[in-house]
Amino acid sequence: MIGTLAILGMGLMGGSLGLAAKNRGLATRVTAYARREESRREALALGVVDAVYDSLGDAVDGADLVVICTPVLTMPELVSDFRAHLSEGCVVTDVGSTKAFLARELDQVLADTSAIFVGSHPMAGSEKAGIGAAREDLYQNARVIVTPAEGTPPDAAQRVMTFWEQLGAKVSVLTPQAHDELIARTSHLPHLVASSLVAAIDRDSQNVTAFCGSGFCDTTRVAEGSEQVWHDIVKTNLDPIRREVDRFDQVIGNLKTMLRREDMDGIRAFLAASREKRSKFEM
């Protein structure tokens, strides 16, 4: 069992983490940091944490494990602000969607401390935001990628892996760079494609909402995600995302060629191949 678990950020991810940790008895004490007073009041009212602070230092004081649940670009500055308050041997992890940037930046910030950063990326979440959307089962059966860097002590990585497993998650281990290459393909590209579809379909003053069916809703749901979160993801994973967008552009280019040539056999084969591949996905 963890002595004190500190969660920084009381949105969907942090709130769900607090609920799950408390209800599963994973920590003796769960503390949190939230910038907004409204979020602090709601966290206490919902029983998400035992104590919540407007001070980072107070939130992490005495913590054995710190989980940062804020947009990626905010994390280095946050860690710089609270690092002097970290306990000996404290492990710091996160829920961000890019890892190489964080491994590089946070290793530097923590270089002269005994604290250790081990990246995490839960493949969970929702287009909904805020602590009001938090739910205890968010991480149940979710894929969580843990990304120890070269030189990360094995026991620190194991502590993080065990934590997620105790929350009911399925843990995989990748290097930070391998993570970013893979997730650019499976998560970052789909989000940008969903946003592009919304822009392409709602392109003028014509009201098309009434004519959008469930396919549109399913395909574009993630486009409702926070632009701040996704701005930070794109900025910190630019090269892999550029490569995936280029590959997607090739697929669209091939489709455009078939349409221009009225190659209906080619279109049928394309649709059949995609249907077959999709049917084999384990979701």
Protein backbone atom coordinates (compact mmCIF):
# COMPACT_ATOMS: atom_id res chain seq x y z
CA MET A 1 0.00 0.00 0.00
CA ILE A 2 1.13 3.55 -0.74
CA GLY A 3 1.49 5.82 2.24
CA THR A 4 0.51 9.13 0.65
CA LEU A 5 -0.61 9.48 -2.95
CA ALA A 6 -0.56 13.05 -4.30
CA ILE A 7 -2.58 13.92 -7.41
CA LEU A 8 -1.88 17.22 -9.12
CA GLY A 9 -4.87 18.35 -11.14
CA MET A 10 -8.50 17.63 -10.36
CA GLY A 11 -10.04 17.19 -13.79
CA LEU A 12 -11.44 14.00 -15.28
CA MET A 13 -8.17 12.06 -15.08
CA GLY A 14 -7.10 13.23 -11.62
CA GLY A 15 -10.57 13.02 -10.15
CA SER A 16 -11.08 9.49 -11.47
CA LEU A 17 -7.68 8.50 -10.14
CA GLY A 18 -8.55 9.75 -6.66
CA LEU A 19 -11.89 7.96 -6.66
CA ALA A 20 -10.36 4.67 -7.76
CA ALA A 21 -7.42 4.86 -5.34
CA LYS A 22 -9.63 5.65 -2.36
CA ASN A 23 -12.30 3.09 -3.15
CA ARG A 24 -9.67 0.38 -3.70
CA GLY A 25 -7.74 1.32 -0.58
CA LEU A 26 -4.47 1.81 -2.48
CA ALA A 27 -3.16 4.59 -0.24
CA THR A 28 -3.35 5.51 3.40
CA ARG A 29 -3.93 9.12 2.40
CA VAL A 30 -4.82 10.78 -0.90
CA THR A 31 -3.96 14.45 -1.31
CA ALA A 32 -4.39 16.75 -4.28
CA TYR A 33 -3.57 20.10 -5.79
CA ALA A 34 -6.20 22.10 -7.65
CA ARG A 35 -5.76 25.63 -8.89
CA ARG A 36 -9.44 26.61 -8.76
CA GLU A 37 -11.29 26.92 -5.46
CA GLU A 38 -14.40 25.46 -7.05
CA SER A 39 -12.49 22.31 -8.00
CA ARG A 40 -11.09 22.00 -4.48
CA ARG A 41 -14.54 22.21 -2.95
CA GLU A 42 -15.97 19.70 -5.41
CA ALA A 43 -13.11 17.23 -4.85
CA LEU A 44 -13.84 17.18 -1.13
CA ALA A 45 -17.61 17.02 -1.61
CA LEU A 46 -17.29 14.04 -3.97
CA GLY A 47 -14.91 12.20 -1.64
CA VAL A 48 -12.22 12.10 -4.32
CA VAL A 49 -9.41 12.96 -1.89
CA ASP A 50 -8.72 13.25 1.82
CA ALA A 51 -7.24 16.74 1.49
CA VAL A 52 -6.83 19.23 -1.35
CA TYR A 53 -4.58 22.29 -1.46
CA ASP A 54 -3.94 25.42 -3.49
CA SER A 55 -0.22 24.95 -2.79
CA LEU A 56 1.84 22.41 -4.72
CA GLY A 57 4.28 22.04 -1.84
CA ASP A 58 1.51 21.21 0.63
CA ALA A 59 -0.04 18.72 -1.81
CA VAL A 60 3.16 16.69 -2.32
CA ASP A 61 4.49 16.96 1.23
CA GLY A 62 5.23 13.44 2.51
CA ALA A 63 4.01 11.78 -0.71
CA ASP A 64 5.42 8.42 -1.79
CA LEU A 65 3.92 8.70 -5.29
CA VAL A 66 2.99 11.88 -7.16
CA VAL A 67 0.78 11.71 -10.27
CA ILE A 68 0.62 14.81 -12.45
CA CYS A 69 -2.71 15.21 -14.26
CA THR A 70 -2.27 18.53 -16.07
CA PRO A 71 -1.50 19.48 -19.70
CA VAL A 72 1.95 18.31 -20.79
CA LEU A 73 3.59 21.72 -21.22
CA THR A 74 2.67 22.75 -17.67
CA MET A 75 4.46 19.80 -16.07
CA PRO A 76 8.12 20.93 -16.05
CA GLU A 77 7.25 24.22 -14.35
CA LEU A 78 5.01 22.46 -11.83
CA VAL A 79 7.76 20.00 -10.92
CA SER A 80 10.25 22.87 -10.58
CA ASP A 81 7.85 24.54 -8.16
CA PHE A 82 7.34 21.53 -5.88
CA ARG A 83 10.56 19.53 -6.17
CA ALA A 84 12.01 20.96 -2.94
CA HIS A 85 9.04 19.48 -1.07
CA LEU A 86 9.45 15.92 -2.35
CA SER A 87 10.22 13.12 0.09
CA GLU A 88 13.36 11.04 -0.19
CA GLY A 89 12.96 8.52 -3.00
CA CYS A 90 9.56 9.80 -4.09
CA VAL A 91 8.41 8.57 -7.50
CA VAL A 92 6.76 11.05 -9.85
CA THR A 93 4.59 9.92 -12.75
CA ASP A 94 1.97 11.48 -15.00
CA VAL A 95 -0.94 10.79 -17.33
CA GLY A 96 0.30 12.74 -20.36
CA SER A 97 0.02 11.57 -23.95
CA THR A 98 3.62 12.36 -24.94
CA LYS A 99 6.62 10.90 -23.18
CA ALA A 100 10.00 11.74 -24.74
CA PHE A 101 9.58 15.45 -23.99
CA LEU A 102 8.64 14.76 -20.37
CA ALA A 103 11.42 12.21 -19.82
CA ARG A 104 13.97 14.73 -21.05
CA GLU A 105 12.58 17.77 -19.22
CA LEU A 106 11.66 16.18 -15.90
CA ASP A 107 14.87 14.20 -15.60
CA GLN A 108 16.68 17.55 -15.78
CA VAL A 109 14.39 19.20 -13.26
CA LEU A 110 14.83 16.33 -10.78
CA ALA A 111 18.53 15.73 -11.51
CA ASP A 112 19.82 16.98 -8.15
CA THR A 113 17.09 15.34 -6.06
CA SER A 114 16.45 11.77 -4.96
CA ALA A 115 13.05 11.77 -6.67
CA ILE A 116 12.58 9.68 -9.81
CA PHE A 117 10.33 10.34 -12.79
CA VAL A 118 8.71 7.38 -14.55
CA GLY A 119 6.31 8.29 -17.34
CA SER A 120 2.81 6.82 -17.64
CA HIS A 121 0.13 7.15 -20.29
CA PRO A 122 -3.31 5.71 -19.51
CA MET A 123 -5.19 5.11 -22.76
CA ALA A 124 -8.36 6.21 -21.04
CA GLY A 125 -10.30 9.41 -20.77
CA SER A 126 -13.17 11.04 -22.56
CA GLU A 127 -14.08 14.11 -24.52
CA LYS A 128 -15.70 15.26 -21.26
CA ALA A 129 -13.67 17.39 -18.89
CA GLY A 130 -13.74 18.45 -15.26
CA ILE A 131 -14.00 16.67 -11.98
CA GLY A 132 -17.75 16.34 -12.42
CA ALA A 133 -17.07 13.79 -15.17
CA ALA A 134 -14.80 11.67 -12.93
CA ARG A 135 -15.68 8.03 -12.47
CA GLU A 136 -14.14 5.24 -10.42
CA ASP A 137 -13.89 2.74 -13.30
CA LEU A 138 -12.11 5.02 -15.80
CA TYR A 139 -8.88 2.99 -15.57
CA GLN A 140 -10.47 -0.43 -15.22
CA ASN A 141 -9.20 -2.60 -18.12
CA ALA A 142 -7.61 0.46 -19.72
CA ARG A 143 -4.23 0.11 -21.42
CA VAL A 144 -1.57 2.03 -19.52
CA ILE A 145 1.86 2.46 -21.09
CA VAL A 146 4.69 2.90 -18.61
CA THR A 147 7.81 4.46 -20.15
CA PRO A 148 10.97 4.10 -18.05
CA ALA A 149 13.91 5.87 -19.63
CA GLU A 150 17.42 4.53 -19.92
CA GLY A 151 18.84 4.55 -16.42
CA THR A 152 15.48 4.48 -14.62
CA PRO A 153 15.84 2.30 -11.48
CA PRO A 154 13.86 -0.92 -12.05
CA ASP A 155 12.21 -0.72 -8.63
CA ALA A 156 10.82 2.75 -9.42
CA ALA A 157 9.38 1.52 -12.71
CA GLN A 158 7.90 -1.49 -10.94
CA ARG A 159 6.22 0.73 -8.34
CA VAL A 160 4.47 2.64 -11.10
CA MET A 161 3.48 -0.52 -12.97
CA THR A 162 2.09 -2.08 -9.79
CA PHE A 163 0.10 1.06 -9.02
CA TRP A 164 -1.70 0.96 -12.36
CA GLU A 165 -2.25 -2.79 -12.16
CA GLN A 166 -3.88 -2.33 -8.76
CA LEU A 167 -6.25 0.14 -10.39
CA GLY A 168 -7.31 -2.62 -12.78
CA ALA A 169 -5.33 -1.43 -15.80
CA LYS A 170 -3.43 -3.51 -18.35
CA VAL A 171 0.19 -2.34 -18.33
CA SER A 172 2.60 -2.29 -21.27
CA VAL A 173 6.19 -1.02 -21.18
CA LEU A 174 7.78 1.05 -23.96
CA THR A 175 10.66 3.47 -24.20
CA PRO A 176 9.54 7.13 -24.31
CA GLN A 177 10.50 7.44 -27.99
CA ALA A 178 8.78 4.20 -29.01
CA HIS A 179 5.68 5.36 -27.16
CA ASP A 180 5.56 8.66 -29.02
CA GLU A 181 6.01 7.02 -32.42
CA LEU A 182 3.23 4.50 -31.77
CA ILE A 183 0.74 6.87 -30.13
CA ALA A 184 1.17 9.46 -32.88
CA ARG A 185 -0.25 6.75 -35.13
CA THR A 186 -3.01 5.34 -32.93
CA SER A 187 -4.19 8.39 -30.97
CA HIS A 188 -2.79 11.72 -32.14
CA LEU A 189 -3.55 11.21 -35.84
CA PRO A 190 -7.14 10.04 -35.18
CA HIS A 191 -7.79 13.12 -33.06
CA LEU A 192 -6.52 15.47 -35.75
CA VAL A 193 -8.52 13.60 -38.40
CA ALA A 194 -11.68 13.90 -36.27
CA SER A 195 -11.12 17.64 -35.90
CA SER A 196 -10.50 17.93 -39.64
CA LEU A 197 -13.74 16.09 -40.40
CA VAL A 198 -15.69 18.53 -38.25
CA ALA A 199 -14.05 21.47 -40.03
CA ALA A 200 -14.74 19.96 -43.47
CA ILE A 201 -18.38 19.10 -42.78
CA ASP A 202 -19.37 22.26 -40.88
CA ARG A 203 -17.70 24.55 -43.40
CA ASP A 204 -20.34 27.20 -44.09
CA SER A 205 -23.48 28.74 -42.69
CA GLN A 206 -25.66 25.81 -43.78
CA ASN A 207 -27.11 23.96 -40.79
CA VAL A 208 -26.02 20.36 -41.29
CA THR A 209 -26.40 19.17 -37.70
CA ALA A 210 -29.81 17.62 -38.24
CA PHE A 211 -28.40 15.51 -41.07
CA CYS A 212 -25.42 14.05 -39.18
CA GLY A 213 -26.02 10.45 -38.14
CA SER A 214 -24.38 8.19 -35.60
CA GLY A 215 -21.42 7.56 -37.91
CA PHE A 216 -20.49 11.23 -37.80
CA CYS A 217 -20.95 11.31 -34.02
CA ASP A 218 -18.84 8.19 -33.46
CA THR A 219 -16.09 9.30 -35.82
CA THR A 220 -15.77 12.85 -34.45
CA ARG A 221 -16.51 12.39 -30.73
CA VAL A 222 -12.91 13.01 -29.67
CA ALA A 223 -12.85 16.38 -31.44
CA GLU A 224 -14.64 17.75 -28.36
CA GLY A 225 -11.46 17.22 -26.31
CA SER A 226 -9.70 20.18 -24.69
CA GLU A 227 -7.77 22.28 -27.18
CA GLN A 228 -5.24 23.15 -24.46
CA VAL A 229 -4.47 19.50 -23.81
CA TRP A 230 -4.22 18.72 -27.52
CA HIS A 231 -2.16 21.80 -28.34
CA ASP A 232 0.42 20.58 -25.83
CA ILE A 233 0.33 17.04 -27.23
CA VAL A 234 0.93 18.20 -30.79
CA LYS A 235 3.67 20.66 -29.80
CA THR A 236 5.60 18.02 -27.86
CA ASN A 237 5.30 15.27 -30.49
CA LEU A 238 5.58 17.20 -33.74
CA ASP A 239 7.91 14.99 -35.79
CA PRO A 240 6.05 11.68 -35.28
CA ILE A 241 2.73 13.44 -35.89
CA ARG A 242 4.02 15.05 -39.09
CA ARG A 243 5.07 11.63 -40.37
CA GLU A 244 1.67 10.09 -39.57
CA VAL A 245 -0.20 12.98 -41.20
CA ASP A 246 1.96 12.50 -44.31
CA ARG A 247 1.08 8.80 -44.38
CA PHE A 248 -2.60 9.59 -43.98
CA ASP A 249 -2.30 12.09 -46.81
CA GLN A 250 -1.00 9.25 -49.01
CA VAL A 251 -4.08 7.17 -48.18
CA ILE A 252 -6.38 10.10 -49.03
CA GLY A 253 -4.38 10.69 -52.19
CA ASN A 254 -4.92 7.10 -53.30
CA LEU A 255 -8.65 7.42 -52.58
CA LYS A 256 -8.83 10.67 -54.59
CA THR A 257 -7.13 8.95 -57.52
CA MET A 258 -9.65 6.09 -57.48
CA LEU A 259 -12.54 8.55 -57.32
CA ARG A 260 -11.14 10.61 -60.19
CA ARG A 261 -10.70 7.48 -62.32
CA GLU A 262 -14.08 6.10 -61.23
CA ASP A 263 -12.24 2.97 -60.14
CA MET A 264 -15.16 1.34 -58.35
CA ASP A 265 -13.41 -2.02 -58.10
CA GLY A 266 -10.51 -0.32 -56.35
CA ILE A 267 -12.86 1.50 -53.98
CA ARG A 268 -14.68 -1.73 -53.15
CA ALA A 269 -11.35 -3.45 -52.43
CA PHE A 270 -10.24 -0.52 -50.26
CA LEU A 271 -13.47 -0.60 -48.24
CA ALA A 272 -13.35 -4.39 -47.88
CA ALA A 273 -9.73 -4.37 -46.71
CA SER A 274 -10.46 -1.65 -44.14
CA ARG A 275 -13.57 -3.46 -42.90
CA GLU A 276 -11.64 -6.69 -42.44
CA LYS A 277 -8.79 -4.96 -40.61
CA ARG A 278 -11.20 -3.10 -38.33
CA SER A 279 -13.05 -6.31 -37.45
CA LYS A 280 -9.81 -7.77 -36.07
CA PHE A 281 -9.05 -4.86 -33.74
CA GLU A 282 -9.12 -5.70 -30.04
CA MET A 283 -10.91 -2.75 -28.43
